[in-house]
Amino acid sequence: MRNDHLRWTGIGCAVLGAVLTALVVVQWRPLLAYDERVARDLHVHAVTHPGVTHLMQVLSDWVWDPWTMRALAAVACVLLWWRGDRGRALRVALVTLAASALQQGLKALVGRERPVWPDPVDSAQYAAYPSGHAMTATVVCGLLLWLLPRPARGRVPVPCAVAAWAVAVVSVLGVGFTRVYLGVHWPSDVLAGWLLGVALVALATSVPVRERGCDPVER
């Protein structure tokens, strides 16, 4: 039952991501107007609040940077492999690599320009859509949460699990906000990163884990 919910969640997010991508490609005016309005308002705040902007740069470029997230995924893979849990180690590695390939492929296909400001507070390379920061954080945080032990039915989650979920949610939402605040992404770039990241994780984790010599195990 849980795997069915994950599968449908993944399909739903993938469909929404496809619709959003189509709207960006055809340059749907209401979406572009919303993107421009939000990006402009946040940029004005970033220019006039250098202290906040510096904090956002630290969070975006170091704490929640895609390479930081990939390093966390790599550590998880090594620990899982060392414990003999090679099925989940391979899944984490493959999904992380697939996310990187998907985001780069979409960037090349869509070719959306990043916001351009007369007084930029930050810069970024490559095309804008989708946000690699948002998508990578969503995928890695989602996979790490998937690795957490599930509490027994009817039992309250342990504080560590609650803290992990809180950190993951703050990281995913926070990195998306920093990218728009720093003026290097449109809001829809970030939304696409979230949707596609959730779709990848949900679909990948909806397949039961196969233990060596055992029947598939639901997580």
N, C-alpha and C. Protein backbone atom coordinates (compact mmCIF):
# COMPACT_ATOMS: atom_id res chain seq x y z
N MET A 1 0.83 -1.21 0.00
CA MET A 1 0.00 0.00 0.00
C MET A 1 0.86 1.26 0.00
N ARG A 2 1.89 1.29 0.87
CA ARG A 2 2.77 2.46 0.93
C ARG A 2 3.48 2.67 -0.40
N ASN A 3 3.91 1.57 -1.02
CA ASN A 3 4.60 1.69 -2.31
C ASN A 3 3.67 2.23 -3.38
N ASP A 4 2.37 1.87 -3.31
CA ASP A 4 1.41 2.40 -4.26
C ASP A 4 1.27 3.91 -4.10
N HIS A 5 1.23 4.37 -2.85
CA HIS A 5 1.15 5.81 -2.60
C HIS A 5 2.38 6.53 -3.15
N LEU A 6 3.54 5.95 -2.93
CA LEU A 6 4.76 6.55 -3.46
C LEU A 6 4.74 6.62 -4.98
N ARG A 7 4.30 5.51 -5.59
CA ARG A 7 4.27 5.46 -7.05
C ARG A 7 3.35 6.53 -7.63
N TRP A 8 2.16 6.67 -7.05
CA TRP A 8 1.23 7.67 -7.56
C TRP A 8 1.70 9.09 -7.27
N THR A 9 2.38 9.26 -6.13
CA THR A 9 2.97 10.57 -5.85
C THR A 9 4.02 10.92 -6.89
N GLY A 10 4.86 9.94 -7.23
CA GLY A 10 5.88 10.16 -8.25
C GLY A 10 5.28 10.48 -9.60
N ILE A 11 4.24 9.72 -9.98
CA ILE A 11 3.60 9.97 -11.28
C ILE A 11 2.96 11.36 -11.30
N GLY A 12 2.28 11.71 -10.20
CA GLY A 12 1.65 13.02 -10.14
C GLY A 12 2.64 14.16 -10.26
N CYS A 13 3.75 14.06 -9.53
CA CYS A 13 4.78 15.11 -9.60
C CYS A 13 5.43 15.16 -10.98
N ALA A 14 5.62 14.00 -11.61
CA ALA A 14 6.20 13.97 -12.95
C ALA A 14 5.28 14.66 -13.95
N VAL A 15 3.97 14.41 -13.83
CA VAL A 15 3.00 15.06 -14.72
C VAL A 15 3.00 16.56 -14.51
N LEU A 16 2.97 16.99 -13.25
CA LEU A 16 3.00 18.42 -12.96
C LEU A 16 4.29 19.06 -13.47
N GLY A 17 5.41 18.34 -13.32
CA GLY A 17 6.67 18.85 -13.83
C GLY A 17 6.65 18.99 -15.35
N ALA A 18 6.03 18.03 -16.02
CA ALA A 18 5.93 18.10 -17.49
C ALA A 18 5.06 19.27 -17.92
N VAL A 19 3.95 19.49 -17.21
CA VAL A 19 3.07 20.62 -17.53
C VAL A 19 3.81 21.94 -17.31
N LEU A 20 4.52 22.05 -16.19
CA LEU A 20 5.26 23.28 -15.92
C LEU A 20 6.33 23.51 -16.97
N THR A 21 7.00 22.45 -17.38
CA THR A 21 8.03 22.58 -18.42
C THR A 21 7.41 23.09 -19.72
N ALA A 22 6.24 22.56 -20.08
CA ALA A 22 5.57 23.00 -21.30
C ALA A 22 5.20 24.48 -21.21
N LEU A 23 4.73 24.93 -20.05
CA LEU A 23 4.37 26.33 -19.88
C LEU A 23 5.58 27.25 -20.00
N VAL A 24 6.71 26.77 -19.49
CA VAL A 24 7.95 27.56 -19.61
C VAL A 24 8.40 27.62 -21.07
N VAL A 25 8.33 26.49 -21.76
CA VAL A 25 8.77 26.45 -23.16
C VAL A 25 7.93 27.36 -24.04
N VAL A 26 6.60 27.35 -23.83
CA VAL A 26 5.72 28.19 -24.67
C VAL A 26 5.64 29.62 -24.14
N GLN A 27 6.35 29.89 -23.04
CA GLN A 27 6.42 31.22 -22.45
C GLN A 27 5.03 31.76 -22.11
N TRP A 28 4.32 30.99 -21.28
CA TRP A 28 2.98 31.37 -20.85
C TRP A 28 3.06 32.66 -20.03
N ARG A 29 2.40 33.68 -20.49
CA ARG A 29 2.54 35.01 -19.91
C ARG A 29 2.22 35.10 -18.42
N PRO A 30 1.10 34.51 -17.93
CA PRO A 30 0.83 34.61 -16.48
C PRO A 30 1.96 34.04 -15.63
N LEU A 31 2.57 32.93 -16.09
CA LEU A 31 3.68 32.33 -15.35
C LEU A 31 4.89 33.24 -15.39
N LEU A 32 5.21 33.77 -16.56
CA LEU A 32 6.37 34.65 -16.68
C LEU A 32 6.19 35.93 -15.87
N ALA A 33 4.96 36.46 -15.87
CA ALA A 33 4.70 37.68 -15.10
C ALA A 33 4.88 37.44 -13.60
N TYR A 34 4.40 36.28 -13.14
CA TYR A 34 4.57 35.94 -11.72
C TYR A 34 6.05 35.78 -11.39
N ASP A 35 6.78 35.05 -12.24
CA ASP A 35 8.22 34.87 -12.03
C ASP A 35 8.94 36.20 -11.92
N GLU A 36 8.63 37.09 -12.85
CA GLU A 36 9.31 38.39 -12.89
C GLU A 36 8.99 39.23 -11.66
N ARG A 37 7.73 39.19 -11.23
CA ARG A 37 7.32 40.00 -10.07
C ARG A 37 8.01 39.52 -8.80
N VAL A 38 7.97 38.23 -8.55
CA VAL A 38 8.59 37.68 -7.33
C VAL A 38 10.10 37.88 -7.36
N ALA A 39 10.73 37.58 -8.49
CA ALA A 39 12.18 37.72 -8.60
C ALA A 39 12.61 39.17 -8.40
N ARG A 40 11.86 40.11 -8.96
CA ARG A 40 12.20 41.52 -8.83
C ARG A 40 12.08 41.99 -7.38
N ASP A 41 11.00 41.60 -6.71
CA ASP A 41 10.81 42.02 -5.32
C ASP A 41 11.91 41.48 -4.41
N LEU A 42 12.26 40.22 -4.60
CA LEU A 42 13.32 39.63 -3.77
C LEU A 42 14.68 40.26 -4.09
N HIS A 43 14.91 40.59 -5.36
CA HIS A 43 16.19 41.19 -5.73
C HIS A 43 16.34 42.56 -5.07
N VAL A 44 15.28 43.34 -5.03
CA VAL A 44 15.33 44.65 -4.37
C VAL A 44 15.72 44.48 -2.91
N HIS A 45 15.16 43.48 -2.25
CA HIS A 45 15.51 43.23 -0.85
C HIS A 45 16.96 42.79 -0.72
N ALA A 46 17.44 41.94 -1.65
CA ALA A 46 18.81 41.46 -1.59
C ALA A 46 19.82 42.60 -1.75
N VAL A 47 19.52 43.53 -2.63
CA VAL A 47 20.43 44.65 -2.88
C VAL A 47 20.53 45.56 -1.66
N THR A 48 19.42 45.73 -0.96
CA THR A 48 19.38 46.67 0.16
C THR A 48 19.70 46.03 1.50
N HIS A 49 19.93 44.72 1.51
CA HIS A 49 20.25 44.02 2.77
C HIS A 49 21.46 43.11 2.54
N PRO A 50 22.66 43.68 2.46
CA PRO A 50 23.86 42.89 2.14
C PRO A 50 24.16 41.80 3.17
N GLY A 51 23.83 42.03 4.44
CA GLY A 51 24.09 41.00 5.44
C GLY A 51 23.26 39.75 5.19
N VAL A 52 21.99 39.94 4.90
CA VAL A 52 21.12 38.80 4.58
C VAL A 52 21.60 38.12 3.30
N THR A 53 21.99 38.92 2.33
CA THR A 53 22.46 38.37 1.06
C THR A 53 23.70 37.50 1.25
N HIS A 54 24.62 37.96 2.11
CA HIS A 54 25.81 37.16 2.37
C HIS A 54 25.45 35.83 3.02
N LEU A 55 24.51 35.84 3.96
CA LEU A 55 24.06 34.60 4.59
C LEU A 55 23.46 33.66 3.54
N MET A 56 22.66 34.21 2.65
CA MET A 56 22.07 33.40 1.59
C MET A 56 23.14 32.79 0.69
N GLN A 57 24.19 33.54 0.42
CA GLN A 57 25.28 33.02 -0.42
C GLN A 57 26.00 31.87 0.27
N VAL A 58 26.23 31.99 1.56
CA VAL A 58 26.89 30.91 2.31
C VAL A 58 26.03 29.66 2.29
N LEU A 59 24.74 29.82 2.54
CA LEU A 59 23.84 28.67 2.55
C LEU A 59 23.75 28.03 1.17
N SER A 60 23.64 28.87 0.14
CA SER A 60 23.46 28.36 -1.21
C SER A 60 24.72 27.74 -1.79
N ASP A 61 25.87 28.39 -1.54
CA ASP A 61 27.12 27.98 -2.19
C ASP A 61 27.92 26.96 -1.39
N TRP A 62 27.58 26.79 -0.11
CA TRP A 62 28.35 25.85 0.71
C TRP A 62 27.47 24.81 1.42
N VAL A 63 26.54 25.27 2.24
CA VAL A 63 25.75 24.33 3.03
C VAL A 63 24.85 23.48 2.15
N TRP A 64 24.12 24.12 1.22
CA TRP A 64 23.16 23.40 0.38
C TRP A 64 23.62 23.29 -1.07
N ASP A 65 24.88 23.46 -1.32
CA ASP A 65 25.40 23.34 -2.68
C ASP A 65 25.18 21.91 -3.21
N PRO A 66 24.91 21.75 -4.52
CA PRO A 66 24.72 20.40 -5.06
C PRO A 66 25.87 19.44 -4.76
N TRP A 67 27.10 19.94 -4.76
CA TRP A 67 28.23 19.05 -4.49
C TRP A 67 28.26 18.63 -3.02
N THR A 68 27.80 19.51 -2.13
CA THR A 68 27.67 19.12 -0.72
C THR A 68 26.65 18.00 -0.59
N MET A 69 25.53 18.17 -1.29
CA MET A 69 24.48 17.16 -1.24
C MET A 69 24.96 15.83 -1.84
N ARG A 70 25.67 15.90 -2.97
CA ARG A 70 26.17 14.68 -3.59
C ARG A 70 27.19 13.99 -2.70
N ALA A 71 27.96 14.80 -1.95
CA ALA A 71 28.92 14.21 -1.02
C ALA A 71 28.18 13.44 0.08
N LEU A 72 27.07 13.99 0.57
CA LEU A 72 26.28 13.27 1.57
C LEU A 72 25.74 11.96 1.00
N ALA A 73 25.28 12.00 -0.25
CA ALA A 73 24.80 10.78 -0.88
C ALA A 73 25.92 9.76 -1.03
N ALA A 74 27.12 10.25 -1.37
CA ALA A 74 28.26 9.34 -1.52
C ALA A 74 28.63 8.69 -0.20
N VAL A 75 28.60 9.47 0.87
CA VAL A 75 28.89 8.91 2.20
C VAL A 75 27.86 7.84 2.55
N ALA A 76 26.60 8.12 2.27
CA ALA A 76 25.55 7.14 2.55
C ALA A 76 25.78 5.86 1.75
N CYS A 77 26.20 6.00 0.49
CA CYS A 77 26.46 4.82 -0.35
C CYS A 77 27.60 3.98 0.21
N VAL A 78 28.65 4.65 0.64
CA VAL A 78 29.80 3.93 1.20
C VAL A 78 29.41 3.17 2.47
N LEU A 79 28.66 3.84 3.35
CA LEU A 79 28.25 3.19 4.60
C LEU A 79 27.32 2.01 4.33
N LEU A 80 26.39 2.17 3.40
CA LEU A 80 25.49 1.08 3.06
C LEU A 80 26.25 -0.10 2.46
N TRP A 81 27.19 0.20 1.58
CA TRP A 81 27.99 -0.86 0.95
C TRP A 81 28.82 -1.61 1.99
N TRP A 82 29.39 -0.85 2.92
CA TRP A 82 30.23 -1.44 3.97
C TRP A 82 29.39 -2.35 4.87
N ARG A 83 28.13 -1.99 5.08
CA ARG A 83 27.24 -2.81 5.90
C ARG A 83 26.65 -3.98 5.12
N GLY A 84 26.96 -4.07 3.84
CA GLY A 84 26.44 -5.16 3.02
C GLY A 84 25.09 -4.88 2.41
N ASP A 85 24.57 -3.66 2.57
CA ASP A 85 23.27 -3.29 2.00
C ASP A 85 23.50 -2.70 0.61
N ARG A 86 23.96 -3.55 -0.31
CA ARG A 86 24.39 -3.05 -1.61
C ARG A 86 23.24 -2.66 -2.52
N GLY A 87 22.07 -3.26 -2.30
CA GLY A 87 20.92 -2.90 -3.10
C GLY A 87 20.54 -1.44 -2.92
N ARG A 88 20.44 -1.01 -1.67
CA ARG A 88 20.09 0.39 -1.41
C ARG A 88 21.25 1.33 -1.74
N ALA A 89 22.48 0.86 -1.56
CA ALA A 89 23.63 1.69 -1.93
C ALA A 89 23.61 2.00 -3.42
N LEU A 90 23.35 1.00 -4.24
CA LEU A 90 23.29 1.21 -5.68
C LEU A 90 22.12 2.09 -6.06
N ARG A 91 20.99 1.93 -5.37
CA ARG A 91 19.83 2.74 -5.71
C ARG A 91 20.08 4.21 -5.41
N VAL A 92 20.69 4.50 -4.26
CA VAL A 92 21.00 5.89 -3.93
C VAL A 92 21.96 6.48 -4.97
N ALA A 93 22.97 5.72 -5.35
CA ALA A 93 23.94 6.21 -6.33
C ALA A 93 23.27 6.45 -7.68
N LEU A 94 22.47 5.51 -8.14
CA LEU A 94 21.86 5.62 -9.46
C LEU A 94 20.85 6.76 -9.53
N VAL A 95 20.05 6.92 -8.48
CA VAL A 95 19.06 7.99 -8.49
C VAL A 95 19.74 9.36 -8.43
N THR A 96 20.81 9.47 -7.66
CA THR A 96 21.55 10.74 -7.60
C THR A 96 22.16 11.08 -8.96
N LEU A 97 22.73 10.07 -9.62
CA LEU A 97 23.30 10.29 -10.96
C LEU A 97 22.20 10.62 -11.97
N ALA A 98 21.08 9.93 -11.87
CA ALA A 98 19.97 10.18 -12.79
C ALA A 98 19.44 11.61 -12.63
N ALA A 99 19.38 12.10 -11.41
CA ALA A 99 18.92 13.46 -11.17
C ALA A 99 19.85 14.46 -11.83
N SER A 100 21.15 14.24 -11.71
CA SER A 100 22.12 15.13 -12.34
C SER A 100 21.98 15.12 -13.86
N ALA A 101 21.82 13.94 -14.43
CA ALA A 101 21.68 13.82 -15.88
C ALA A 101 20.39 14.48 -16.36
N LEU A 102 19.30 14.27 -15.62
CA LEU A 102 18.01 14.83 -16.02
C LEU A 102 18.03 16.35 -15.99
N GLN A 103 18.59 16.91 -14.92
CA GLN A 103 18.59 18.37 -14.82
C GLN A 103 19.46 19.00 -15.89
N GLN A 104 20.61 18.39 -16.19
CA GLN A 104 21.47 18.95 -17.23
C GLN A 104 20.84 18.79 -18.61
N GLY A 105 20.16 17.67 -18.83
CA GLY A 105 19.49 17.49 -20.11
C GLY A 105 18.38 18.50 -20.32
N LEU A 106 17.59 18.75 -19.27
CA LEU A 106 16.51 19.73 -19.39
C LEU A 106 17.06 21.14 -19.57
N LYS A 107 18.14 21.45 -18.88
CA LYS A 107 18.75 22.76 -19.05
C LYS A 107 19.13 22.99 -20.51
N ALA A 108 19.73 21.96 -21.12
CA ALA A 108 20.14 22.09 -22.51
C ALA A 108 18.94 22.17 -23.46
N LEU A 109 17.90 21.39 -23.18
CA LEU A 109 16.73 21.36 -24.06
C LEU A 109 15.88 22.63 -23.95
N VAL A 110 15.63 23.07 -22.72
CA VAL A 110 14.78 24.25 -22.52
C VAL A 110 15.55 25.53 -22.81
N GLY A 111 16.78 25.59 -22.35
CA GLY A 111 17.63 26.74 -22.65
C GLY A 111 17.11 28.06 -22.10
N ARG A 112 16.51 28.04 -20.94
CA ARG A 112 15.95 29.27 -20.37
C ARG A 112 17.03 30.19 -19.83
N GLU A 113 16.91 31.47 -20.13
CA GLU A 113 17.88 32.45 -19.64
C GLU A 113 17.64 32.73 -18.16
N ARG A 114 18.72 32.96 -17.44
CA ARG A 114 18.59 33.36 -16.04
C ARG A 114 18.19 34.83 -15.95
N PRO A 115 17.71 35.25 -14.78
CA PRO A 115 17.40 36.68 -14.60
C PRO A 115 18.65 37.53 -14.81
N VAL A 116 18.45 38.69 -15.39
CA VAL A 116 19.55 39.64 -15.62
C VAL A 116 19.23 40.92 -14.87
N TRP A 117 20.17 41.35 -14.02
CA TRP A 117 19.96 42.55 -13.21
C TRP A 117 21.06 43.56 -13.47
N PRO A 118 20.74 44.87 -13.39
CA PRO A 118 21.79 45.88 -13.56
C PRO A 118 22.75 45.91 -12.37
N ASP A 119 22.30 45.39 -11.23
CA ASP A 119 23.10 45.38 -10.00
C ASP A 119 23.06 43.98 -9.37
N PRO A 120 23.61 42.97 -10.05
CA PRO A 120 23.52 41.60 -9.54
C PRO A 120 24.24 41.43 -8.21
N VAL A 121 23.72 40.51 -7.38
CA VAL A 121 24.37 40.20 -6.11
C VAL A 121 25.05 38.84 -6.16
N ASP A 122 24.80 38.08 -7.22
CA ASP A 122 25.42 36.77 -7.38
C ASP A 122 25.37 36.40 -8.85
N SER A 123 26.01 35.30 -9.21
CA SER A 123 26.00 34.85 -10.60
C SER A 123 25.98 33.33 -10.63
N ALA A 124 25.59 32.78 -11.77
CA ALA A 124 25.53 31.33 -11.95
C ALA A 124 25.71 31.01 -13.42
N GLN A 125 26.18 29.80 -13.69
CA GLN A 125 26.43 29.37 -15.06
C GLN A 125 25.32 28.46 -15.55
N TYR A 126 25.34 28.22 -16.84
CA TYR A 126 24.41 27.32 -17.52
C TYR A 126 22.99 27.90 -17.51
N ALA A 127 22.09 27.16 -18.13
CA ALA A 127 20.71 27.62 -18.24
C ALA A 127 20.00 27.55 -16.89
N ALA A 128 18.83 28.19 -16.83
CA ALA A 128 18.15 28.34 -15.55
C ALA A 128 17.26 27.18 -15.18
N TYR A 129 16.61 26.56 -16.17
CA TYR A 129 15.53 25.62 -15.88
C TYR A 129 15.95 24.18 -16.10
N PRO A 130 15.74 23.32 -15.09
CA PRO A 130 15.26 23.58 -13.73
C PRO A 130 16.41 23.93 -12.80
N SER A 131 16.08 24.30 -11.57
CA SER A 131 17.13 24.62 -10.59
C SER A 131 17.84 23.35 -10.15
N GLY A 132 19.15 23.29 -10.44
CA GLY A 132 19.94 22.14 -10.01
C GLY A 132 20.07 22.05 -8.51
N HIS A 133 20.18 23.22 -7.87
CA HIS A 133 20.27 23.22 -6.40
C HIS A 133 19.01 22.62 -5.78
N ALA A 134 17.84 23.09 -6.24
CA ALA A 134 16.58 22.61 -5.66
C ALA A 134 16.37 21.13 -5.94
N MET A 135 16.67 20.71 -7.15
CA MET A 135 16.43 19.31 -7.52
C MET A 135 17.38 18.38 -6.78
N THR A 136 18.66 18.74 -6.70
CA THR A 136 19.64 17.89 -6.03
C THR A 136 19.32 17.78 -4.54
N ALA A 137 18.98 18.90 -3.91
CA ALA A 137 18.64 18.86 -2.48
C ALA A 137 17.41 17.99 -2.24
N THR A 138 16.41 18.10 -3.11
CA THR A 138 15.20 17.30 -2.96
C THR A 138 15.51 15.81 -3.09
N VAL A 139 16.31 15.46 -4.08
CA VAL A 139 16.63 14.05 -4.31
C VAL A 139 17.45 13.48 -3.17
N VAL A 140 18.51 14.16 -2.78
CA VAL A 140 19.40 13.63 -1.75
C VAL A 140 18.68 13.58 -0.39
N CYS A 141 17.99 14.65 -0.03
CA CYS A 141 17.28 14.64 1.26
C CYS A 141 16.19 13.57 1.25
N GLY A 142 15.50 13.42 0.13
CA GLY A 142 14.47 12.39 0.04
C GLY A 142 15.04 11.00 0.19
N LEU A 143 16.17 10.74 -0.44
CA LEU A 143 16.80 9.42 -0.33
C LEU A 143 17.30 9.15 1.07
N LEU A 144 17.86 10.17 1.72
CA LEU A 144 18.35 9.97 3.08
C LEU A 144 17.19 9.70 4.04
N LEU A 145 16.07 10.37 3.83
CA LEU A 145 14.90 10.08 4.66
C LEU A 145 14.40 8.66 4.41
N TRP A 146 14.46 8.21 3.18
CA TRP A 146 14.05 6.85 2.84
C TRP A 146 14.90 5.81 3.58
N LEU A 147 16.15 6.16 3.84
CA LEU A 147 17.05 5.22 4.52
C LEU A 147 16.79 5.13 6.02
N LEU A 148 16.04 6.09 6.57
CA LEU A 148 15.78 6.05 8.00
C LEU A 148 14.94 4.82 8.36
N PRO A 149 15.21 4.18 9.49
CA PRO A 149 14.36 3.06 9.94
C PRO A 149 12.93 3.54 10.15
N ARG A 150 11.98 2.75 9.71
CA ARG A 150 10.58 3.10 9.90
C ARG A 150 10.11 2.66 11.29
N PRO A 151 9.39 3.54 12.00
CA PRO A 151 8.87 3.15 13.32
C PRO A 151 7.78 2.09 13.16
N ALA A 152 7.64 1.26 14.17
CA ALA A 152 6.60 0.25 14.14
C ALA A 152 5.23 0.91 14.10
N ARG A 153 4.26 0.21 13.49
CA ARG A 153 2.92 0.76 13.36
C ARG A 153 2.35 1.15 14.72
N GLY A 154 1.86 2.39 14.79
CA GLY A 154 1.26 2.86 16.03
C GLY A 154 2.23 3.53 16.98
N ARG A 155 3.52 3.46 16.69
CA ARG A 155 4.52 4.07 17.57
C ARG A 155 4.87 5.48 17.09
N VAL A 156 5.16 6.35 18.02
CA VAL A 156 5.53 7.72 17.69
C VAL A 156 6.96 7.74 17.16
N PRO A 157 7.24 8.46 16.06
CA PRO A 157 8.61 8.53 15.55
C PRO A 157 9.57 9.05 16.60
N VAL A 158 10.77 8.52 16.60
CA VAL A 158 11.78 8.95 17.57
C VAL A 158 12.22 10.37 17.25
N PRO A 159 12.72 11.11 18.28
CA PRO A 159 13.14 12.50 18.06
C PRO A 159 14.15 12.66 16.93
N CYS A 160 15.06 11.70 16.77
CA CYS A 160 16.07 11.80 15.72
C CYS A 160 15.42 11.82 14.34
N ALA A 161 14.40 10.99 14.16
CA ALA A 161 13.70 10.95 12.87
C ALA A 161 12.96 12.26 12.62
N VAL A 162 12.33 12.79 13.66
CA VAL A 162 11.63 14.07 13.53
C VAL A 162 12.61 15.18 13.17
N ALA A 163 13.78 15.17 13.83
CA ALA A 163 14.80 16.17 13.54
C ALA A 163 15.31 16.03 12.11
N ALA A 164 15.48 14.80 11.65
CA ALA A 164 15.95 14.57 10.28
C ALA A 164 14.95 15.12 9.27
N TRP A 165 13.67 14.87 9.51
CA TRP A 165 12.64 15.40 8.61
C TRP A 165 12.65 16.92 8.62
N ALA A 166 12.82 17.52 9.79
CA ALA A 166 12.83 18.98 9.89
C ALA A 166 14.01 19.57 9.12
N VAL A 167 15.18 18.96 9.29
CA VAL A 167 16.37 19.45 8.58
C VAL A 167 16.19 19.30 7.07
N ALA A 168 15.61 18.17 6.65
CA ALA A 168 15.41 17.93 5.22
C ALA A 168 14.45 18.95 4.62
N VAL A 169 13.33 19.20 5.30
CA VAL A 169 12.35 20.15 4.79
C VAL A 169 12.93 21.55 4.72
N VAL A 170 13.62 21.96 5.77
CA VAL A 170 14.24 23.30 5.79
C VAL A 170 15.28 23.41 4.67
N SER A 171 16.05 22.37 4.46
CA SER A 171 17.09 22.40 3.43
C SER A 171 16.49 22.52 2.04
N VAL A 172 15.47 21.71 1.76
CA VAL A 172 14.87 21.72 0.42
C VAL A 172 14.17 23.05 0.14
N LEU A 173 13.37 23.51 1.09
CA LEU A 173 12.69 24.79 0.89
C LEU A 173 13.67 25.95 0.93
N GLY A 174 14.64 25.86 1.85
CA GLY A 174 15.60 26.94 2.01
C GLY A 174 16.48 27.16 0.80
N VAL A 175 16.98 26.08 0.21
CA VAL A 175 17.87 26.26 -0.94
C VAL A 175 17.10 26.84 -2.12
N GLY A 176 15.83 26.45 -2.26
CA GLY A 176 15.04 27.03 -3.34
C GLY A 176 14.87 28.53 -3.15
N PHE A 177 14.59 28.95 -1.91
CA PHE A 177 14.43 30.37 -1.64
C PHE A 177 15.72 31.14 -1.90
N THR A 178 16.86 30.58 -1.49
CA THR A 178 18.13 31.30 -1.68
C THR A 178 18.42 31.54 -3.16
N ARG A 179 18.06 30.58 -4.01
CA ARG A 179 18.37 30.73 -5.45
C ARG A 179 17.57 31.87 -6.07
N VAL A 180 16.32 32.02 -5.65
CA VAL A 180 15.52 33.13 -6.17
C VAL A 180 15.95 34.44 -5.52
N TYR A 181 16.24 34.40 -4.22
CA TYR A 181 16.65 35.60 -3.50
C TYR A 181 17.95 36.18 -4.09
N LEU A 182 18.85 35.31 -4.45
CA LEU A 182 20.13 35.76 -5.02
C LEU A 182 20.03 36.16 -6.47
N GLY A 183 18.85 36.03 -7.05
CA GLY A 183 18.62 36.53 -8.40
C GLY A 183 19.18 35.67 -9.50
N VAL A 184 19.41 34.39 -9.25
CA VAL A 184 19.98 33.52 -10.28
C VAL A 184 18.97 32.51 -10.83
N HIS A 185 17.75 32.54 -10.29
CA HIS A 185 16.70 31.64 -10.77
C HIS A 185 15.35 32.33 -10.70
N TRP A 186 14.45 31.88 -11.58
CA TRP A 186 13.04 32.26 -11.49
C TRP A 186 12.34 31.29 -10.54
N PRO A 187 11.25 31.70 -9.89
CA PRO A 187 10.53 30.79 -9.00
C PRO A 187 10.11 29.48 -9.65
N SER A 188 9.70 29.52 -10.92
CA SER A 188 9.28 28.28 -11.59
C SER A 188 10.44 27.33 -11.83
N ASP A 189 11.67 27.85 -11.90
CA ASP A 189 12.85 26.97 -12.00
C ASP A 189 12.96 26.11 -10.74
N VAL A 190 12.75 26.76 -9.60
CA VAL A 190 12.85 26.08 -8.32
C VAL A 190 11.70 25.08 -8.15
N LEU A 191 10.49 25.51 -8.52
CA LEU A 191 9.34 24.61 -8.42
C LEU A 191 9.56 23.36 -9.26
N ALA A 192 10.10 23.54 -10.45
CA ALA A 192 10.39 22.38 -11.31
C ALA A 192 11.41 21.46 -10.66
N GLY A 193 12.43 22.03 -10.03
CA GLY A 193 13.42 21.20 -9.35
C GLY A 193 12.80 20.39 -8.24
N TRP A 194 11.90 21.00 -7.49
CA TRP A 194 11.22 20.27 -6.41
C TRP A 194 10.35 19.15 -6.97
N LEU A 195 9.53 19.47 -7.97
CA LEU A 195 8.61 18.47 -8.53
C LEU A 195 9.35 17.29 -9.14
N LEU A 196 10.36 17.57 -9.92
CA LEU A 196 11.11 16.50 -10.57
C LEU A 196 11.90 15.69 -9.55
N GLY A 197 12.42 16.37 -8.53
CA GLY A 197 13.15 15.66 -7.48
C GLY A 197 12.25 14.70 -6.71
N VAL A 198 11.06 15.17 -6.34
CA VAL A 198 10.11 14.31 -5.64
C VAL A 198 9.70 13.14 -6.54
N ALA A 199 9.47 13.42 -7.82
CA ALA A 199 9.08 12.36 -8.76
C ALA A 199 10.14 11.27 -8.82
N LEU A 200 11.39 11.66 -8.94
CA LEU A 200 12.47 10.67 -9.02
C LEU A 200 12.55 9.83 -7.75
N VAL A 201 12.54 10.48 -6.61
CA VAL A 201 12.67 9.75 -5.35
C VAL A 201 11.47 8.83 -5.12
N ALA A 202 10.27 9.36 -5.35
CA ALA A 202 9.07 8.56 -5.10
C ALA A 202 9.01 7.34 -6.00
N LEU A 203 9.32 7.52 -7.28
CA LEU A 203 9.26 6.39 -8.20
C LEU A 203 10.37 5.38 -7.90
N ALA A 204 11.56 5.88 -7.57
CA ALA A 204 12.68 4.97 -7.31
C ALA A 204 12.48 4.17 -6.03
N THR A 205 11.91 4.81 -5.01
CA THR A 205 11.75 4.12 -3.73
C THR A 205 10.45 3.34 -3.64
N SER A 206 9.59 3.46 -4.64
CA SER A 206 8.35 2.68 -4.64
C SER A 206 8.58 1.22 -5.01
N VAL A 207 9.77 0.95 -5.55
CA VAL A 207 10.12 -0.44 -5.90
C VAL A 207 10.69 -1.10 -4.65
N PRO A 208 10.12 -2.22 -4.20
CA PRO A 208 10.61 -2.88 -2.97
C PRO A 208 12.09 -3.25 -3.07
N VAL A 209 12.78 -3.12 -1.95
CA VAL A 209 14.19 -3.50 -1.88
C VAL A 209 14.31 -5.02 -1.88
N ARG A 210 15.18 -5.54 -2.70
CA ARG A 210 15.38 -6.99 -2.74
C ARG A 210 16.63 -7.36 -1.94
N GLU A 211 16.42 -8.08 -0.89
CA GLU A 211 17.54 -8.58 -0.10
C GLU A 211 18.06 -9.85 -0.74
N ARG A 212 19.34 -10.09 -0.63
CA ARG A 212 19.95 -11.26 -1.22
C ARG A 212 19.32 -12.54 -0.66
N GLY A 213 18.76 -13.33 -1.56
CA GLY A 213 18.19 -14.61 -1.17
C GLY A 213 16.86 -14.49 -0.45
N CYS A 214 16.23 -13.29 -0.49
CA CYS A 214 14.97 -13.09 0.21
C CYS A 214 13.96 -12.47 -0.74
N ASP A 215 12.71 -12.48 -0.30
CA ASP A 215 11.67 -11.81 -1.05
C ASP A 215 11.86 -10.31 -0.92
N PRO A 216 11.25 -9.55 -1.86
CA PRO A 216 11.34 -8.09 -1.76
C PRO A 216 10.82 -7.61 -0.43
N VAL A 217 11.49 -6.58 0.12
CA VAL A 217 11.11 -6.02 1.41
C VAL A 217 10.59 -4.63 1.20
N GLU A 218 9.35 -4.35 1.66
CA GLU A 218 8.81 -3.02 1.54
C GLU A 218 9.42 -2.12 2.59
N ARG A 219 9.64 -0.82 2.19
CA ARG A 219 10.14 0.16 3.12
C ARG A 219 9.16 1.32 3.16
